[in-house]
Amino acid sequence: MAINYVCRYCKTPLGQLNQVALSEERLGFHVLTAEERKDIITYDAFGNMTVRVICDHCKEAIEEHPELSYTNLLQ
């Protein structure tokens, strides 16, 4: 199982973990609510996990223009 990190706005791949022995607790996912998990984490047909986070570029853009976080203008 791979764990892929991508930016939720621009879809830029940010990293990948290929270790099957990583627990959700070790990754910090155990602190997420069910709603947060649904919004952040998805699985594909092969069991690979995609974690939607935010890259530095998009974070800076949203900090300067908060209205962008409610649109798809960053894509």
PDB file of N, CA and C in Angstrom:
ATOM      1  N   MET A   1       0.842  -1.177   0.000  1.00  0.00           N
ATOM      2  CA  MET A   1       0.000   0.000   0.000  1.00  0.00           C
ATOM      3  C   MET A   1       0.885   1.238   0.000  1.00  0.00           C
ATOM      4  N   ALA A   2       0.589   2.169  -0.900  1.00  0.00           N
ATOM      5  CA  ALA A   2       1.304   3.438  -0.956  1.00  0.00           C
ATOM      6  C   ALA A   2       0.431   4.516  -0.328  1.00  0.00           C
ATOM      7  N   ILE A   3       1.087   5.497   0.251  1.00  0.00           N
ATOM      8  CA  ILE A   3       0.397   6.664   0.790  1.00  0.00           C
ATOM      9  C   ILE A   3       0.916   7.850   0.007  1.00  0.00           C
ATOM     10  N   ASN A   4       0.030   8.452  -0.783  1.00  0.00           N
ATOM     11  CA  ASN A   4       0.394   9.565  -1.653  1.00  0.00           C
ATOM     12  C   ASN A   4      -0.145  10.869  -1.080  1.00  0.00           C
ATOM     13  N   TYR A   5       0.723  11.858  -0.968  1.00  0.00           N
ATOM     14  CA  TYR A   5       0.327  13.176  -0.495  1.00  0.00           C
ATOM     15  C   TYR A   5       0.253  14.103  -1.704  1.00  0.00           C
ATOM     16  N   VAL A   6      -0.907  14.772  -1.889  1.00  0.00           N
ATOM     17  CA  VAL A   6      -1.085  15.704  -2.997  1.00  0.00           C
ATOM     18  C   VAL A   6      -1.738  16.987  -2.467  1.00  0.00           C
ATOM     19  N   CYS A   7      -1.483  18.083  -3.149  1.00  0.00           N
ATOM     20  CA  CYS A   7      -2.110  19.346  -2.777  1.00  0.00           C
ATOM     21  C   CYS A   7      -3.581  19.300  -3.168  1.00  0.00           C
ATOM     22  N   ARG A   8      -4.441  19.644  -2.243  1.00  0.00           N
ATOM     23  CA  ARG A   8      -5.884  19.610  -2.485  1.00  0.00           C
ATOM     24  C   ARG A   8      -6.317  20.646  -3.509  1.00  0.00           C
ATOM     25  N   TYR A   9      -5.528  21.687  -3.743  1.00  0.00           N
ATOM     26  CA  TYR A   9      -5.907  22.751  -4.665  1.00  0.00           C
ATOM     27  C   TYR A   9      -5.280  22.572  -6.051  1.00  0.00           C
ATOM     28  N   CYS A  10      -3.958  22.489  -6.121  1.00  0.00           N
ATOM     29  CA  CYS A  10      -3.292  22.439  -7.429  1.00  0.00           C
ATOM     30  C   CYS A  10      -2.965  21.015  -7.886  1.00  0.00           C
ATOM     31  N   LYS A  11      -3.234  20.026  -7.032  1.00  0.00           N
ATOM     32  CA  LYS A  11      -3.035  18.603  -7.348  1.00  0.00           C
ATOM     33  C   LYS A  11      -1.566  18.214  -7.532  1.00  0.00           C
ATOM     34  N   THR A  12      -0.641  19.057  -7.084  1.00  0.00           N
ATOM     35  CA  THR A  12       0.780  18.743  -7.182  1.00  0.00           C
ATOM     36  C   THR A  12       1.122  17.595  -6.238  1.00  0.00           C
ATOM     37  N   PRO A  13       1.795  16.547  -6.740  1.00  0.00           N
ATOM     38  CA  PRO A  13       2.254  15.478  -5.841  1.00  0.00           C
ATOM     39  C   PRO A  13       3.306  16.039  -4.882  1.00  0.00           C
ATOM     40  N   LEU A  14       3.155  15.769  -3.596  1.00  0.00           N
ATOM     41  CA  LEU A  14       4.066  16.309  -2.590  1.00  0.00           C
ATOM     42  C   LEU A  14       4.936  15.249  -1.938  1.00  0.00           C
ATOM     43  N   GLY A  15       4.583  13.988  -2.089  1.00  0.00           N
ATOM     44  CA  GLY A  15       5.386  12.930  -1.499  1.00  0.00           C
ATOM     45  C   GLY A  15       4.659  11.612  -1.507  1.00  0.00           C
ATOM     46  N   GLN A  16       5.412  10.549  -1.255  1.00  0.00           N
ATOM     47  CA  GLN A  16       4.831   9.213  -1.235  1.00  0.00           C
ATOM     48  C   GLN A  16       5.567   8.359  -0.210  1.00  0.00           C
ATOM     49  N   LEU A  17       4.794   7.579   0.536  1.00  0.00           N
ATOM     50  CA  LEU A  17       5.347   6.602   1.469  1.00  0.00           C
ATOM     51  C   LEU A  17       4.956   5.227   0.959  1.00  0.00           C
ATOM     52  N   ASN A  18       5.892   4.300   0.945  1.00  0.00           N
ATOM     53  CA  ASN A  18       5.622   2.955   0.446  1.00  0.00           C
ATOM     54  C   ASN A  18       5.783   1.903   1.528  1.00  0.00           C
ATOM     55  N   GLN A  19       5.510   2.247   2.757  1.00  0.00           N
ATOM     56  CA  GLN A  19       5.671   1.303   3.847  1.00  0.00           C
ATOM     57  C   GLN A  19       4.310   0.790   4.288  1.00  0.00           C
ATOM     58  N   VAL A  20       4.139  -0.508   4.249  1.00  0.00           N
ATOM     59  CA  VAL A  20       2.846  -1.088   4.604  1.00  0.00           C
ATOM     60  C   VAL A  20       2.646  -1.170   6.115  1.00  0.00           C
ATOM     61  N   ALA A  21       3.691  -1.025   6.893  1.00  0.00           N
ATOM     62  CA  ALA A  21       3.593  -1.204   8.340  1.00  0.00           C
ATOM     63  C   ALA A  21       3.310   0.094   9.100  1.00  0.00           C
ATOM     64  N   LEU A  22       2.995   1.173   8.410  1.00  0.00           N
ATOM     65  CA  LEU A  22       2.717   2.422   9.098  1.00  0.00           C
ATOM     66  C   LEU A  22       1.286   2.435   9.621  1.00  0.00           C
ATOM     67  N   SER A  23       1.133   2.714  10.889  1.00  0.00           N
ATOM     68  CA  SER A  23      -0.202   2.753  11.486  1.00  0.00           C
ATOM     69  C   SER A  23      -0.793   4.158  11.341  1.00  0.00           C
ATOM     70  N   GLU A  24      -2.112   4.219  11.423  1.00  0.00           N
ATOM     71  CA  GLU A  24      -2.775   5.518  11.358  1.00  0.00           C
ATOM     72  C   GLU A  24      -2.350   6.395  12.528  1.00  0.00           C
ATOM     73  N   GLU A  25      -2.067   5.782  13.655  1.00  0.00           N
ATOM     74  CA  GLU A  25      -1.613   6.548  14.816  1.00  0.00           C
ATOM     75  C   GLU A  25      -0.242   7.158  14.552  1.00  0.00           C
ATOM     76  N   ARG A  26       0.641   6.392  13.961  1.00  0.00           N
ATOM     77  CA  ARG A  26       1.978   6.909  13.668  1.00  0.00           C
ATOM     78  C   ARG A  26       1.920   8.041  12.635  1.00  0.00           C
ATOM     79  N   LEU A  27       0.969   7.957  11.708  1.00  0.00           N
ATOM     80  CA  LEU A  27       0.802   8.990  10.697  1.00  0.00           C
ATOM     81  C   LEU A  27       0.017  10.195  11.224  1.00  0.00           C
ATOM     82  N   GLY A  28      -0.600  10.062  12.393  1.00  0.00           N
ATOM     83  CA  GLY A  28      -1.349  11.153  12.994  1.00  0.00           C
ATOM     84  C   GLY A  28      -2.798  11.216  12.575  1.00  0.00           C
ATOM     85  N   PHE A  29      -3.279  10.224  11.820  1.00  0.00           N
ATOM     86  CA  PHE A  29      -4.653  10.244  11.322  1.00  0.00           C
ATOM     87  C   PHE A  29      -5.673   9.924  12.411  1.00  0.00           C
ATOM     88  N   HIS A  30      -5.238   9.342  13.507  1.00  0.00           N
ATOM     89  CA  HIS A  30      -6.163   8.959  14.574  1.00  0.00           C
ATOM     90  C   HIS A  30      -6.812  10.166  15.255  1.00  0.00           C
ATOM     91  N   VAL A  31      -6.236  11.357  15.092  1.00  0.00           N
ATOM     92  CA  VAL A  31      -6.801  12.548  15.720  1.00  0.00           C
ATOM     93  C   VAL A  31      -7.858  13.224  14.849  1.00  0.00           C
ATOM     94  N   LEU A  32      -8.029  12.765  13.625  1.00  0.00           N
ATOM     95  CA  LEU A  32      -9.018  13.353  12.721  1.00  0.00           C
ATOM     96  C   LEU A  32     -10.420  12.871  13.058  1.00  0.00           C
ATOM     97  N   THR A  33     -11.387  13.755  12.884  1.00  0.00           N
ATOM     98  CA  THR A  33     -12.783  13.350  13.029  1.00  0.00           C
ATOM     99  C   THR A  33     -13.181  12.555  11.789  1.00  0.00           C
ATOM    100  N   ALA A  34     -14.323  11.901  11.843  1.00  0.00           N
ATOM    101  CA  ALA A  34     -14.813  11.142  10.684  1.00  0.00           C
ATOM    102  C   ALA A  34     -14.996  12.058   9.483  1.00  0.00           C
ATOM    103  N   GLU A  35     -15.501  13.262   9.711  1.00  0.00           N
ATOM    104  CA  GLU A  35     -15.708  14.211   8.616  1.00  0.00           C
ATOM    105  C   GLU A  35     -14.379  14.676   8.019  1.00  0.00           C
ATOM    106  N   GLU A  36     -13.394  14.947   8.870  1.00  0.00           N
ATOM    107  CA  GLU A  36     -12.071  15.349   8.389  1.00  0.00           C
ATOM    108  C   GLU A  36     -11.432  14.232   7.583  1.00  0.00           C
ATOM    109  N   ARG A  37     -11.546  13.005   8.064  1.00  0.00           N
ATOM    110  CA  ARG A  37     -10.988  11.854   7.341  1.00  0.00           C
ATOM    111  C   ARG A  37     -11.609  11.738   5.948  1.00  0.00           C
ATOM    112  N   LYS A  38     -12.926  11.909   5.889  1.00  0.00           N
ATOM    113  CA  LYS A  38     -13.629  11.811   4.607  1.00  0.00           C
ATOM    114  C   LYS A  38     -13.157  12.891   3.641  1.00  0.00           C
ATOM    115  N   ASP A  39     -12.870  14.076   4.158  1.00  0.00           N
ATOM    116  CA  ASP A  39     -12.427  15.196   3.341  1.00  0.00           C
ATOM    117  C   ASP A  39     -10.965  15.074   2.912  1.00  0.00           C
ATOM    118  N   ILE A  40     -10.135  14.472   3.743  1.00  0.00           N
ATOM    119  CA  ILE A  40      -8.691  14.461   3.524  1.00  0.00           C
ATOM    120  C   ILE A  40      -8.174  13.168   2.895  1.00  0.00           C
ATOM    121  N   ILE A  41      -8.732  12.019   3.266  1.00  0.00           N
ATOM    122  CA  ILE A  41      -8.173  10.724   2.883  1.00  0.00           C
ATOM    123  C   ILE A  41      -9.112   9.974   1.943  1.00  0.00           C
ATOM    124  N   THR A  42      -8.557   9.479   0.841  1.00  0.00           N
ATOM    125  CA  THR A  42      -9.307   8.609  -0.071  1.00  0.00           C
ATOM    126  C   THR A  42      -8.451   7.388  -0.387  1.00  0.00           C
ATOM    127  N   TYR A  43      -9.114   6.332  -0.849  1.00  0.00           N
ATOM    128  CA  TYR A  43      -8.438   5.084  -1.221  1.00  0.00           C
ATOM    129  C   TYR A  43      -8.795   4.738  -2.652  1.00  0.00           C
ATOM    130  N   ASP A  44      -7.849   4.150  -3.385  1.00  0.00           N
ATOM    131  CA  ASP A  44      -8.160   3.669  -4.727  1.00  0.00           C
ATOM    132  C   ASP A  44      -8.457   2.175  -4.684  1.00  0.00           C
ATOM    133  N   ALA A  45      -8.745   1.582  -5.826  1.00  0.00           N
ATOM    134  CA  ALA A  45      -9.130   0.171  -5.908  1.00  0.00           C
ATOM    135  C   ALA A  45      -8.017  -0.773  -5.461  1.00  0.00           C
ATOM    136  N   PHE A  46      -6.778  -0.300  -5.432  1.00  0.00           N
ATOM    137  CA  PHE A  46      -5.647  -1.145  -5.050  1.00  0.00           C
ATOM    138  C   PHE A  46      -5.270  -0.985  -3.580  1.00  0.00           C
ATOM    139  N   GLY A  47      -6.031  -0.171  -2.853  1.00  0.00           N
ATOM    140  CA  GLY A  47      -5.756   0.047  -1.440  1.00  0.00           C
ATOM    141  C   GLY A  47      -4.768   1.158  -1.167  1.00  0.00           C
ATOM    142  N   ASN A  48      -4.342   1.864  -2.204  1.00  0.00           N
ATOM    143  CA  ASN A  48      -3.439   2.990  -2.013  1.00  0.00           C
ATOM    144  C   ASN A  48      -4.210   4.171  -1.444  1.00  0.00           C
ATOM    145  N   MET A  49      -3.573   4.885  -0.560  1.00  0.00           N
ATOM    146  CA  MET A  49      -4.206   6.011   0.120  1.00  0.00           C
ATOM    147  C   MET A  49      -3.723   7.325  -0.497  1.00  0.00           C
ATOM    148  N   THR A  50      -4.632   8.258  -0.697  1.00  0.00           N
ATOM    149  CA  THR A  50      -4.274   9.608  -1.104  1.00  0.00           C
ATOM    150  C   THR A  50      -4.679  10.549   0.015  1.00  0.00           C
ATOM    151  N   VAL A  51      -3.730  11.357   0.451  1.00  0.00           N
ATOM    152  CA  VAL A  51      -3.954  12.312   1.524  1.00  0.00           C
ATOM    153  C   VAL A  51      -3.881  13.707   0.904  1.00  0.00           C
ATOM    154  N   ARG A  52      -4.995  14.419   0.983  1.00  0.00           N
ATOM    155  CA  ARG A  52      -5.072  15.753   0.385  1.00  0.00           C
ATOM    156  C   ARG A  52      -4.664  16.786   1.419  1.00  0.00           C
ATOM    157  N   VAL A  53      -3.513  17.436   1.166  1.00  0.00           N
ATOM    158  CA  VAL A  53      -2.979  18.466   2.051  1.00  0.00           C
ATOM    159  C   VAL A  53      -2.862  19.762   1.245  1.00  0.00           C
ATOM    160  N   ILE A  54      -2.082  20.704   1.694  1.00  0.00           N
ATOM    161  CA  ILE A  54      -1.917  21.959   0.956  1.00  0.00           C
ATOM    162  C   ILE A  54      -0.429  22.260   0.799  1.00  0.00           C
ATOM    163  N   CYS A  55      -0.026  22.603  -0.423  1.00  0.00           N
ATOM    164  CA  CYS A  55       1.381  22.915  -0.682  1.00  0.00           C
ATOM    165  C   CYS A  55       1.685  24.348  -0.235  1.00  0.00           C
ATOM    166  N   ASP A  56       2.953  24.666  -0.133  1.00  0.00           N
ATOM    167  CA  ASP A  56       3.367  25.994   0.324  1.00  0.00           C
ATOM    168  C   ASP A  56       2.848  27.100  -0.589  1.00  0.00           C
ATOM    169  N   HIS A  57       2.898  26.874  -1.902  1.00  0.00           N
ATOM    170  CA  HIS A  57       2.443  27.889  -2.862  1.00  0.00           C
ATOM    171  C   HIS A  57       0.967  28.222  -2.644  1.00  0.00           C
ATOM    172  N   CYS A  58       0.135  27.202  -2.563  1.00  0.00           N
ATOM    173  CA  CYS A  58      -1.298  27.425  -2.372  1.00  0.00           C
ATOM    174  C   CYS A  58      -1.590  28.004  -0.997  1.00  0.00           C
ATOM    175  N   LYS A  59      -0.842  27.585   0.014  1.00  0.00           N
ATOM    176  CA  LYS A  59      -1.024  28.131   1.362  1.00  0.00           C
ATOM    177  C   LYS A  59      -0.770  29.635   1.367  1.00  0.00           C
ATOM    178  N   GLU A  60       0.306  30.049   0.722  1.00  0.00           N
ATOM    179  CA  GLU A  60       0.621  31.476   0.649  1.00  0.00           C
ATOM    180  C   GLU A  60      -0.449  32.240  -0.125  1.00  0.00           C
ATOM    181  N   ALA A  61      -0.926  31.667  -1.226  1.00  0.00           N
ATOM    182  CA  ALA A  61      -1.958  32.327  -2.030  1.00  0.00           C
ATOM    183  C   ALA A  61      -3.238  32.506  -1.224  1.00  0.00           C
ATOM    184  N   ILE A  62      -3.611  31.495  -0.459  1.00  0.00           N
ATOM    185  CA  ILE A  62      -4.838  31.572   0.345  1.00  0.00           C
ATOM    186  C   ILE A  62      -4.669  32.547   1.513  1.00  0.00           C
ATOM    187  N   GLU A  63      -3.477  32.585   2.092  1.00  0.00           N
ATOM    188  CA  GLU A  63      -3.240  33.544   3.175  1.00  0.00           C
ATOM    189  C   GLU A  63      -3.376  34.980   2.669  1.00  0.00           C
ATOM    190  N   GLU A  64      -2.924  35.238   1.442  1.00  0.00           N
ATOM    191  CA  GLU A  64      -3.019  36.572   0.863  1.00  0.00           C
ATOM    192  C   GLU A  64      -4.424  36.874   0.343  1.00  0.00           C
ATOM    193  N   HIS A  65      -5.131  35.827  -0.125  1.00  0.00           N
ATOM    194  CA  HIS A  65      -6.461  35.978  -0.716  1.00  0.00           C
ATOM    195  C   HIS A  65      -7.369  34.865  -0.190  1.00  0.00           C
ATOM    196  N   PRO A  66      -7.890  34.988   1.028  1.00  0.00           N
ATOM    197  CA  PRO A  66      -8.693  33.928   1.652  1.00  0.00           C
ATOM    198  C   PRO A  66      -9.884  33.474   0.807  1.00  0.00           C
ATOM    199  N   GLU A  67     -10.416  34.336  -0.028  1.00  0.00           N
ATOM    200  CA  GLU A  67     -11.561  33.956  -0.856  1.00  0.00           C
ATOM    201  C   GLU A  67     -11.216  32.829  -1.839  1.00  0.00           C
ATOM    202  N   LEU A  68      -9.949  32.617  -2.117  1.00  0.00           N
ATOM    203  CA  LEU A  68      -9.544  31.554  -3.030  1.00  0.00           C
ATOM    204  C   LEU A  68      -9.809  30.165  -2.462  1.00  0.00           C
ATOM    205  N   SER A  69      -9.849  30.030  -1.156  1.00  0.00           N
ATOM    206  CA  SER A  69     -10.051  28.718  -0.549  1.00  0.00           C
ATOM    207  C   SER A  69     -11.454  28.193  -0.805  1.00  0.00           C
ATOM    208  N   TYR A  70     -12.365  29.050  -1.224  1.00  0.00           N
ATOM    209  CA  TYR A  70     -13.745  28.640  -1.478  1.00  0.00           C
ATOM    210  C   TYR A  70     -14.019  28.409  -2.961  1.00  0.00           C
ATOM    211  N   THR A  71     -12.992  28.508  -3.772  1.00  0.00           N
ATOM    212  CA  THR A  71     -13.158  28.343  -5.217  1.00  0.00           C
ATOM    213  C   THR A  71     -12.129  27.363  -5.741  1.00  0.00           C
ATOM    214  N   ASN A  72     -12.186  27.106  -7.005  1.00  0.00           N
ATOM    215  CA  ASN A  72     -11.200  26.252  -7.655  1.00  0.00           C
ATOM    216  C   ASN A  72     -10.220  27.081  -8.466  1.00  0.00           C
ATOM    217  N   LEU A  73     -10.080  28.359  -8.131  1.00  0.00           N
ATOM    218  CA  LEU A  73      -9.210  29.252  -8.893  1.00  0.00           C
ATOM    219  C   LEU A  73      -7.739  28.871  -8.810  1.00  0.00           C
ATOM    220  N   LEU A  74      -7.362  28.111  -7.805  1.00  0.00           N
ATOM    221  CA  LEU A  74      -5.967  27.732  -7.649  1.00  0.00           C
ATOM    222  C   LEU A  74      -5.566  26.567  -8.545  1.00  0.00           C
ATOM    223  N   GLN A  75      -6.514  25.943  -9.178  1.00  0.00           N
ATOM    224  CA  GLN A  75      -6.200  24.780 -10.013  1.00  0.00           C
ATOM    225  C   GLN A  75      -5.703  25.219 -11.368  1.00  0.00           C
TER     226      GLN A  75
END
